[in-house]
Amino acid sequence: MGTRTVRLDAEAEKTLLRLQNMTGMSISEVLKQGLFAYERQALQHVDRKPYDIYRELDLGEGGYSAAPAREAKSAIASVIRRKHKG
């Protein structure tokens, strides 16, 4: 069993004390439970690929594109005209 020294800012210290009072656990037990919870969360994301994150984005129909790719040149001109009008 290892002994660690950690520095906590005032907000983290208050949170730790609130958790200790709410649960009745020792500070060590609260910190261990926090580590276990963070590990579970981190393991859910460790194998995510950029495409997995992209799939979760809600870009709506057509994403944020102004026009289909085949109309890109005319769409760019239109976007620039609109931008400079107002």
PDB file of N, CA and C in Angstrom:
ATOM      1  N   MET A   1       0.850  -1.174   0.000  1.00  0.00           N
ATOM      2  CA  MET A   1       0.000   0.000   0.000  1.00  0.00           C
ATOM      3  C   MET A   1       0.890   1.229   0.000  1.00  0.00           C
ATOM      4  N   GLY A   2       0.600   2.171  -0.909  1.00  0.00           N
ATOM      5  CA  GLY A   2       1.424   3.360  -1.040  1.00  0.00           C
ATOM      6  C   GLY A   2       0.830   4.543  -0.297  1.00  0.00           C
ATOM      7  N   THR A   3       1.679   5.470   0.027  1.00  0.00           N
ATOM      8  CA  THR A   3       1.257   6.722   0.634  1.00  0.00           C
ATOM      9  C   THR A   3       1.551   7.832  -0.361  1.00  0.00           C
ATOM     10  N   ARG A   4       0.562   8.672  -0.601  1.00  0.00           N
ATOM     11  CA  ARG A   4       0.703   9.759  -1.560  1.00  0.00           C
ATOM     12  C   ARG A   4       0.434  11.087  -0.867  1.00  0.00           C
ATOM     13  N   THR A   5       1.076  12.103  -1.350  1.00  0.00           N
ATOM     14  CA  THR A   5       0.811  13.459  -0.894  1.00  0.00           C
ATOM     15  C   THR A   5       0.247  14.217  -2.085  1.00  0.00           C
ATOM     16  N   VAL A   6      -0.917  14.816  -1.898  1.00  0.00           N
ATOM     17  CA  VAL A   6      -1.534  15.587  -2.979  1.00  0.00           C
ATOM     18  C   VAL A   6      -1.869  16.981  -2.465  1.00  0.00           C
ATOM     19  N   ARG A   7      -1.821  17.934  -3.369  1.00  0.00           N
ATOM     20  CA  ARG A   7      -2.216  19.300  -3.035  1.00  0.00           C
ATOM     21  C   ARG A   7      -3.608  19.537  -3.616  1.00  0.00           C
ATOM     22  N   LEU A   8      -4.486  20.033  -2.790  1.00  0.00           N
ATOM     23  CA  LEU A   8      -5.842  20.341  -3.227  1.00  0.00           C
ATOM     24  C   LEU A   8      -6.091  21.832  -3.061  1.00  0.00           C
ATOM     25  N   ASP A   9      -6.745  22.413  -4.068  1.00  0.00           N
ATOM     26  CA  ASP A   9      -7.133  23.809  -3.909  1.00  0.00           C
ATOM     27  C   ASP A   9      -8.333  23.862  -2.953  1.00  0.00           C
ATOM     28  N   ALA A  10      -8.749  25.059  -2.607  1.00  0.00           N
ATOM     29  CA  ALA A  10      -9.814  25.228  -1.613  1.00  0.00           C
ATOM     30  C   ALA A  10     -11.114  24.557  -2.061  1.00  0.00           C
ATOM     31  N   GLU A  11     -11.445  24.685  -3.340  1.00  0.00           N
ATOM     32  CA  GLU A  11     -12.692  24.098  -3.853  1.00  0.00           C
ATOM     33  C   GLU A  11     -12.662  22.576  -3.760  1.00  0.00           C
ATOM     34  N   ALA A  12     -11.545  21.971  -4.150  1.00  0.00           N
ATOM     35  CA  ALA A  12     -11.430  20.508  -4.076  1.00  0.00           C
ATOM     36  C   ALA A  12     -11.460  20.045  -2.623  1.00  0.00           C
ATOM     37  N   GLU A  13     -10.856  20.792  -1.746  1.00  0.00           N
ATOM     38  CA  GLU A  13     -10.860  20.447  -0.319  1.00  0.00           C
ATOM     39  C   GLU A  13     -12.282  20.471   0.231  1.00  0.00           C
ATOM     40  N   LYS A  14     -13.060  21.503  -0.133  1.00  0.00           N
ATOM     41  CA  LYS A  14     -14.454  21.586   0.307  1.00  0.00           C
ATOM     42  C   LYS A  14     -15.264  20.410  -0.230  1.00  0.00           C
ATOM     43  N   THR A  15     -15.041  20.073  -1.495  1.00  0.00           N
ATOM     44  CA  THR A  15     -15.745  18.937  -2.097  1.00  0.00           C
ATOM     45  C   THR A  15     -15.396  17.650  -1.367  1.00  0.00           C
ATOM     46  N   LEU A  16     -14.132  17.460  -1.084  1.00  0.00           N
ATOM     47  CA  LEU A  16     -13.689  16.265  -0.371  1.00  0.00           C
ATOM     48  C   LEU A  16     -14.354  16.175   1.000  1.00  0.00           C
ATOM     49  N   LEU A  17     -14.396  17.277   1.720  1.00  0.00           N
ATOM     50  CA  LEU A  17     -15.022  17.272   3.040  1.00  0.00           C
ATOM     51  C   LEU A  17     -16.529  17.043   2.957  1.00  0.00           C
ATOM     52  N   ARG A  18     -17.188  17.633   1.939  1.00  0.00           N
ATOM     53  CA  ARG A  18     -18.628  17.384   1.752  1.00  0.00           C
ATOM     54  C   ARG A  18     -18.889  15.908   1.482  1.00  0.00           C
ATOM     55  N   LEU A  19     -18.077  15.313   0.611  1.00  0.00           N
ATOM     56  CA  LEU A  19     -18.248  13.894   0.303  1.00  0.00           C
ATOM     57  C   LEU A  19     -18.003  13.031   1.538  1.00  0.00           C
ATOM     58  N   GLN A  20     -17.012  13.384   2.302  1.00  0.00           N
ATOM     59  CA  GLN A  20     -16.726  12.635   3.524  1.00  0.00           C
ATOM     60  C   GLN A  20     -17.916  12.722   4.486  1.00  0.00           C
ATOM     61  N   ASN A  21     -18.473  13.919   4.659  1.00  0.00           N
ATOM     62  CA  ASN A  21     -19.616  14.092   5.563  1.00  0.00           C
ATOM     63  C   ASN A  21     -20.868  13.398   5.046  1.00  0.00           C
ATOM     64  N   MET A  22     -21.090  13.445   3.727  1.00  0.00           N
ATOM     65  CA  MET A  22     -22.290  12.810   3.156  1.00  0.00           C
ATOM     66  C   MET A  22     -22.239  11.299   3.251  1.00  0.00           C
ATOM     67  N   THR A  23     -21.055  10.730   3.016  1.00  0.00           N
ATOM     68  CA  THR A  23     -20.944   9.276   2.923  1.00  0.00           C
ATOM     69  C   THR A  23     -20.484   8.617   4.210  1.00  0.00           C
ATOM     70  N   GLY A  24     -19.832   9.369   5.073  1.00  0.00           N
ATOM     71  CA  GLY A  24     -19.279   8.771   6.279  1.00  0.00           C
ATOM     72  C   GLY A  24     -17.979   8.021   6.022  1.00  0.00           C
ATOM     73  N   MET A  25     -17.481   8.076   4.793  1.00  0.00           N
ATOM     74  CA  MET A  25     -16.222   7.397   4.462  1.00  0.00           C
ATOM     75  C   MET A  25     -15.046   8.250   4.906  1.00  0.00           C
ATOM     76  N   SER A  26     -13.908   7.592   5.055  1.00  0.00           N
ATOM     77  CA  SER A  26     -12.682   8.323   5.349  1.00  0.00           C
ATOM     78  C   SER A  26     -12.234   9.073   4.103  1.00  0.00           C
ATOM     79  N   ILE A  27     -11.340  10.031   4.300  1.00  0.00           N
ATOM     80  CA  ILE A  27     -10.809  10.780   3.160  1.00  0.00           C
ATOM     81  C   ILE A  27     -10.144   9.823   2.173  1.00  0.00           C
ATOM     82  N   SER A  28      -9.381   8.875   2.697  1.00  0.00           N
ATOM     83  CA  SER A  28      -8.717   7.901   1.823  1.00  0.00           C
ATOM     84  C   SER A  28      -9.732   7.115   0.994  1.00  0.00           C
ATOM     85  N   GLU A  29     -10.823   6.691   1.636  1.00  0.00           N
ATOM     86  CA  GLU A  29     -11.825   5.903   0.923  1.00  0.00           C
ATOM     87  C   GLU A  29     -12.532   6.751  -0.134  1.00  0.00           C
ATOM     88  N   VAL A  30     -12.830   8.003   0.174  1.00  0.00           N
ATOM     89  CA  VAL A  30     -13.457   8.896  -0.807  1.00  0.00           C
ATOM     90  C   VAL A  30     -12.533   9.052  -2.013  1.00  0.00           C
ATOM     91  N   LEU A  31     -11.248   9.269  -1.768  1.00  0.00           N
ATOM     92  CA  LEU A  31     -10.299   9.434  -2.870  1.00  0.00           C
ATOM     93  C   LEU A  31     -10.179   8.150  -3.693  1.00  0.00           C
ATOM     94  N   LYS A  32     -10.158   6.993  -3.029  1.00  0.00           N
ATOM     95  CA  LYS A  32     -10.073   5.722  -3.766  1.00  0.00           C
ATOM     96  C   LYS A  32     -11.310   5.529  -4.641  1.00  0.00           C
ATOM     97  N   GLN A  33     -12.487   5.801  -4.076  1.00  0.00           N
ATOM     98  CA  GLN A  33     -13.718   5.651  -4.859  1.00  0.00           C
ATOM     99  C   GLN A  33     -13.714   6.599  -6.058  1.00  0.00           C
ATOM    100  N   GLY A  34     -13.183   7.804  -5.850  1.00  0.00           N
ATOM    101  CA  GLY A  34     -13.066   8.754  -6.955  1.00  0.00           C
ATOM    102  C   GLY A  34     -12.145   8.244  -8.044  1.00  0.00           C
ATOM    103  N   LEU A  35     -11.034   7.643  -7.653  1.00  0.00           N
ATOM    104  CA  LEU A  35     -10.113   7.065  -8.642  1.00  0.00           C
ATOM    105  C   LEU A  35     -10.784   5.942  -9.429  1.00  0.00           C
ATOM    106  N   PHE A  36     -11.510   5.075  -8.732  1.00  0.00           N
ATOM    107  CA  PHE A  36     -12.187   3.964  -9.410  1.00  0.00           C
ATOM    108  C   PHE A  36     -13.234   4.496 -10.390  1.00  0.00           C
ATOM    109  N   ALA A  37     -13.983   5.520  -9.977  1.00  0.00           N
ATOM    110  CA  ALA A  37     -15.001   6.104 -10.856  1.00  0.00           C
ATOM    111  C   ALA A  37     -14.351   6.731 -12.084  1.00  0.00           C
ATOM    112  N   TYR A  38     -13.245   7.438 -11.884  1.00  0.00           N
ATOM    113  CA  TYR A  38     -12.562   8.059 -13.016  1.00  0.00           C
ATOM    114  C   TYR A  38     -11.991   7.006 -13.953  1.00  0.00           C
ATOM    115  N   GLU A  39     -11.489   5.918 -13.397  1.00  0.00           N
ATOM    116  CA  GLU A  39     -10.969   4.838 -14.236  1.00  0.00           C
ATOM    117  C   GLU A  39     -12.068   4.268 -15.128  1.00  0.00           C
ATOM    118  N   ARG A  40     -13.247   4.030 -14.557  1.00  0.00           N
ATOM    119  CA  ARG A  40     -14.375   3.515 -15.354  1.00  0.00           C
ATOM    120  C   ARG A  40     -14.711   4.478 -16.488  1.00  0.00           C
ATOM    121  N   GLN A  41     -14.744   5.767 -16.168  1.00  0.00           N
ATOM    122  CA  GLN A  41     -15.043   6.779 -17.185  1.00  0.00           C
ATOM    123  C   GLN A  41     -13.971   6.806 -18.261  1.00  0.00           C
ATOM    124  N   ALA A  42     -12.710   6.781 -17.873  1.00  0.00           N
ATOM    125  CA  ALA A  42     -11.602   6.856 -18.827  1.00  0.00           C
ATOM    126  C   ALA A  42     -11.587   5.628 -19.733  1.00  0.00           C
ATOM    127  N   LEU A  43     -11.900   4.468 -19.198  1.00  0.00           N
ATOM    128  CA  LEU A  43     -11.895   3.246 -20.009  1.00  0.00           C
ATOM    129  C   LEU A  43     -12.955   3.281 -21.105  1.00  0.00           C
ATOM    130  N   GLN A  44     -14.039   4.008 -20.863  1.00  0.00           N
ATOM    131  CA  GLN A  44     -15.084   4.124 -21.883  1.00  0.00           C
ATOM    132  C   GLN A  44     -14.595   4.922 -23.087  1.00  0.00           C
ATOM    133  N   HIS A  45     -13.604   5.779 -22.894  1.00  0.00           N
ATOM    134  CA  HIS A  45     -13.154   6.669 -23.958  1.00  0.00           C
ATOM    135  C   HIS A  45     -11.799   6.304 -24.536  1.00  0.00           C
ATOM    136  N   VAL A  46     -11.128   5.332 -23.969  1.00  0.00           N
ATOM    137  CA  VAL A  46      -9.756   5.041 -24.371  1.00  0.00           C
ATOM    138  C   VAL A  46      -9.660   4.547 -25.816  1.00  0.00           C
ATOM    139  N   ASP A  47     -10.650   3.840 -26.288  1.00  0.00           N
ATOM    140  CA  ASP A  47     -10.591   3.278 -27.634  1.00  0.00           C
ATOM    141  C   ASP A  47     -11.338   4.121 -28.669  1.00  0.00           C
ATOM    142  N   ARG A  48     -11.784   5.315 -28.281  1.00  0.00           N
ATOM    143  CA  ARG A  48     -12.521   6.139 -29.227  1.00  0.00           C
ATOM    144  C   ARG A  48     -11.585   6.666 -30.303  1.00  0.00           C
ATOM    145  N   LYS A  49     -12.032   6.562 -31.510  1.00  0.00           N
ATOM    146  CA  LYS A  49     -11.309   7.080 -32.667  1.00  0.00           C
ATOM    147  C   LYS A  49     -11.929   8.433 -33.035  1.00  0.00           C
ATOM    148  N   PRO A  50     -11.207   9.258 -33.783  1.00  0.00           N
ATOM    149  CA  PRO A  50     -11.777  10.546 -34.189  1.00  0.00           C
ATOM    150  C   PRO A  50     -13.145  10.399 -34.869  1.00  0.00           C
ATOM    151  N   TYR A  51     -13.312   9.336 -35.669  1.00  0.00           N
ATOM    152  CA  TYR A  51     -14.594   9.168 -36.344  1.00  0.00           C
ATOM    153  C   TYR A  51     -15.713   8.889 -35.335  1.00  0.00           C
ATOM    154  N   ASP A  52     -15.405   8.199 -34.236  1.00  0.00           N
ATOM    155  CA  ASP A  52     -16.411   7.941 -33.206  1.00  0.00           C
ATOM    156  C   ASP A  52     -16.909   9.250 -32.616  1.00  0.00           C
ATOM    157  N   ILE A  53     -15.994  10.164 -32.377  1.00  0.00           N
ATOM    158  CA  ILE A  53     -16.376  11.469 -31.837  1.00  0.00           C
ATOM    159  C   ILE A  53     -17.189  12.245 -32.866  1.00  0.00           C
ATOM    160  N   TYR A  54     -16.762  12.202 -34.123  1.00  0.00           N
ATOM    161  CA  TYR A  54     -17.477  12.891 -35.202  1.00  0.00           C
ATOM    162  C   TYR A  54     -18.917  12.387 -35.314  1.00  0.00           C
ATOM    163  N   ARG A  55     -19.098  11.065 -35.194  1.00  0.00           N
ATOM    164  CA  ARG A  55     -20.437  10.488 -35.304  1.00  0.00           C
ATOM    165  C   ARG A  55     -21.365  10.997 -34.218  1.00  0.00           C
ATOM    166  N   GLU A  56     -20.820  11.360 -33.066  1.00  0.00           N
ATOM    167  CA  GLU A  56     -21.640  11.836 -31.960  1.00  0.00           C
ATOM    168  C   GLU A  56     -22.065  13.294 -32.126  1.00  0.00           C
ATOM    169  N   LEU A  57     -21.403  14.019 -33.001  1.00  0.00           N
ATOM    170  CA  LEU A  57     -21.754  15.419 -33.217  1.00  0.00           C
ATOM    171  C   LEU A  57     -23.068  15.506 -33.972  1.00  0.00           C
ATOM    172  N   ASP A  58     -23.914  16.424 -33.567  1.00  0.00           N
ATOM    173  CA  ASP A  58     -25.180  16.614 -34.261  1.00  0.00           C
ATOM    174  C   ASP A  58     -25.037  17.822 -35.179  1.00  0.00           C
ATOM    175  N   LEU A  59     -24.615  17.555 -36.403  1.00  0.00           N
ATOM    176  CA  LEU A  59     -24.406  18.642 -37.354  1.00  0.00           C
ATOM    177  C   LEU A  59     -25.651  18.936 -38.173  1.00  0.00           C
ATOM    178  N   GLY A  60     -26.688  18.140 -37.994  1.00  0.00           N
ATOM    179  CA  GLY A  60     -27.899  18.334 -38.770  1.00  0.00           C
ATOM    180  C   GLY A  60     -27.710  17.838 -40.193  1.00  0.00           C
ATOM    181  N   GLU A  61     -28.751  17.975 -40.981  1.00  0.00           N
ATOM    182  CA  GLU A  61     -28.705  17.504 -42.367  1.00  0.00           C
ATOM    183  C   GLU A  61     -27.656  18.275 -43.147  1.00  0.00           C
ATOM    184  N   GLY A  62     -26.705  17.587 -43.729  1.00  0.00           N
ATOM    185  CA  GLY A  62     -25.660  18.222 -44.520  1.00  0.00           C
ATOM    186  C   GLY A  62     -24.543  18.833 -43.695  1.00  0.00           C
ATOM    187  N   GLY A  63     -24.561  18.598 -42.384  1.00  0.00           N
ATOM    188  CA  GLY A  63     -23.529  19.181 -41.533  1.00  0.00           C
ATOM    189  C   GLY A  63     -23.648  20.693 -41.543  1.00  0.00           C
ATOM    190  N   TYR A  64     -22.541  21.370 -41.503  1.00  0.00           N
ATOM    191  CA  TYR A  64     -22.557  22.834 -41.534  1.00  0.00           C
ATOM    192  C   TYR A  64     -22.198  23.362 -42.913  1.00  0.00           C
ATOM    193  N   SER A  65     -22.292  22.523 -43.911  1.00  0.00           N
ATOM    194  CA  SER A  65     -21.912  22.946 -45.254  1.00  0.00           C
ATOM    195  C   SER A  65     -22.918  23.953 -45.808  1.00  0.00           C
ATOM    196  N   ALA A  66     -22.405  24.842 -46.633  1.00  0.00           N
ATOM    197  CA  ALA A  66     -23.256  25.841 -47.265  1.00  0.00           C
ATOM    198  C   ALA A  66     -23.897  25.287 -48.532  1.00  0.00           C
ATOM    199  N   ALA A  67     -23.289  24.265 -49.098  1.00  0.00           N
ATOM    200  CA  ALA A  67     -23.791  23.674 -50.348  1.00  0.00           C
ATOM    201  C   ALA A  67     -23.100  22.330 -50.561  1.00  0.00           C
ATOM    202  N   PRO A  68     -23.649  21.510 -51.438  1.00  0.00           N
ATOM    203  CA  PRO A  68     -22.964  20.254 -51.768  1.00  0.00           C
ATOM    204  C   PRO A  68     -21.598  20.534 -52.388  1.00  0.00           C
ATOM    205  N   ALA A  69     -20.690  19.588 -52.292  1.00  0.00           N
ATOM    206  CA  ALA A  69     -19.324  19.774 -52.785  1.00  0.00           C
ATOM    207  C   ALA A  69     -19.290  20.133 -54.266  1.00  0.00           C
ATOM    208  N   ARG A  70     -20.200  19.574 -55.045  1.00  0.00           N
ATOM    209  CA  ARG A  70     -20.175  19.846 -56.487  1.00  0.00           C
ATOM    210  C   ARG A  70     -20.514  21.305 -56.803  1.00  0.00           C
ATOM    211  N   GLU A  71     -21.092  22.018 -55.811  1.00  0.00           N
ATOM    212  CA  GLU A  71     -21.432  23.429 -56.013  1.00  0.00           C
ATOM    213  C   GLU A  71     -20.551  24.347 -55.160  1.00  0.00           C
ATOM    214  N   ALA A  72     -19.406  23.847 -54.733  1.00  0.00           N
ATOM    215  CA  ALA A  72     -18.564  24.571 -53.774  1.00  0.00           C
ATOM    216  C   ALA A  72     -18.104  25.933 -54.290  1.00  0.00           C
ATOM    217  N   LYS A  73     -17.657  26.005 -55.542  1.00  0.00           N
ATOM    218  CA  LYS A  73     -17.134  27.278 -56.049  1.00  0.00           C
ATOM    219  C   LYS A  73     -18.190  28.368 -56.052  1.00  0.00           C
ATOM    220  N   SER A  74     -19.368  28.061 -56.528  1.00  0.00           N
ATOM    221  CA  SER A  74     -20.416  29.084 -56.552  1.00  0.00           C
ATOM    222  C   SER A  74     -20.905  29.391 -55.136  1.00  0.00           C
ATOM    223  N   ALA A  75     -20.908  28.395 -54.258  1.00  0.00           N
ATOM    224  CA  ALA A  75     -21.333  28.619 -52.876  1.00  0.00           C
ATOM    225  C   ALA A  75     -20.366  29.532 -52.142  1.00  0.00           C
ATOM    226  N   ILE A  76     -19.080  29.349 -52.377  1.00  0.00           N
ATOM    227  CA  ILE A  76     -18.080  30.206 -51.730  1.00  0.00           C
ATOM    228  C   ILE A  76     -18.276  31.650 -52.153  1.00  0.00           C
ATOM    229  N   ALA A  77     -18.480  31.850 -53.442  1.00  0.00           N
ATOM    230  CA  ALA A  77     -18.710  33.214 -53.942  1.00  0.00           C
ATOM    231  C   ALA A  77     -19.945  33.816 -53.285  1.00  0.00           C
ATOM    232  N   SER A  78     -20.991  33.040 -53.142  1.00  0.00           N
ATOM    233  CA  SER A  78     -22.226  33.512 -52.524  1.00  0.00           C
ATOM    234  C   SER A  78     -22.009  33.861 -51.049  1.00  0.00           C
ATOM    235  N   VAL A  79     -21.286  33.019 -50.334  1.00  0.00           N
ATOM    236  CA  VAL A  79     -21.002  33.256 -48.915  1.00  0.00           C
ATOM    237  C   VAL A  79     -20.192  34.539 -48.749  1.00  0.00           C
ATOM    238  N   ILE A  80     -19.194  34.735 -49.608  1.00  0.00           N
ATOM    239  CA  ILE A  80     -18.358  35.946 -49.530  1.00  0.00           C
ATOM    240  C   ILE A  80     -19.187  37.195 -49.815  1.00  0.00           C
ATOM    241  N   ARG A  81     -20.059  37.122 -50.824  1.00  0.00           N
ATOM    242  CA  ARG A  81     -20.924  38.273 -51.129  1.00  0.00           C
ATOM    243  C   ARG A  81     -21.811  38.612 -49.938  1.00  0.00           C
ATOM    244  N   ARG A  82     -22.421  37.602 -49.319  1.00  0.00           N
ATOM    245  CA  ARG A  82     -23.293  37.832 -48.164  1.00  0.00           C
ATOM    246  C   ARG A  82     -22.484  38.435 -47.004  1.00  0.00           C
ATOM    247  N   LYS A  83     -21.287  37.951 -46.799  1.00  0.00           N
ATOM    248  CA  LYS A  83     -20.466  38.427 -45.691  1.00  0.00           C
ATOM    249  C   LYS A  83     -20.147  39.911 -45.845  1.00  0.00           C
ATOM    250  N   HIS A  84     -19.847  40.329 -47.061  1.00  0.00           N
ATOM    251  CA  HIS A  84     -19.431  41.718 -47.297  1.00  0.00           C
ATOM    252  C   HIS A  84     -20.609  42.670 -47.452  1.00  0.00           C
ATOM    253  N   LYS A  85     -21.814  42.135 -47.591  1.00  0.00           N
ATOM    254  CA  LYS A  85     -22.992  43.002 -47.649  1.00  0.00           C
ATOM    255  C   LYS A  85     -23.374  43.515 -46.263  1.00  0.00           C
ATOM    256  N   GLY A  86     -23.162  42.700 -45.264  1.00  0.00           N
ATOM    257  CA  GLY A  86     -23.681  43.190 -44.037  1.00  0.00           C
ATOM    258  C   GLY A  86     -23.086  42.727 -42.819  1.00  0.00           C
TER     259      GLY A  86
END
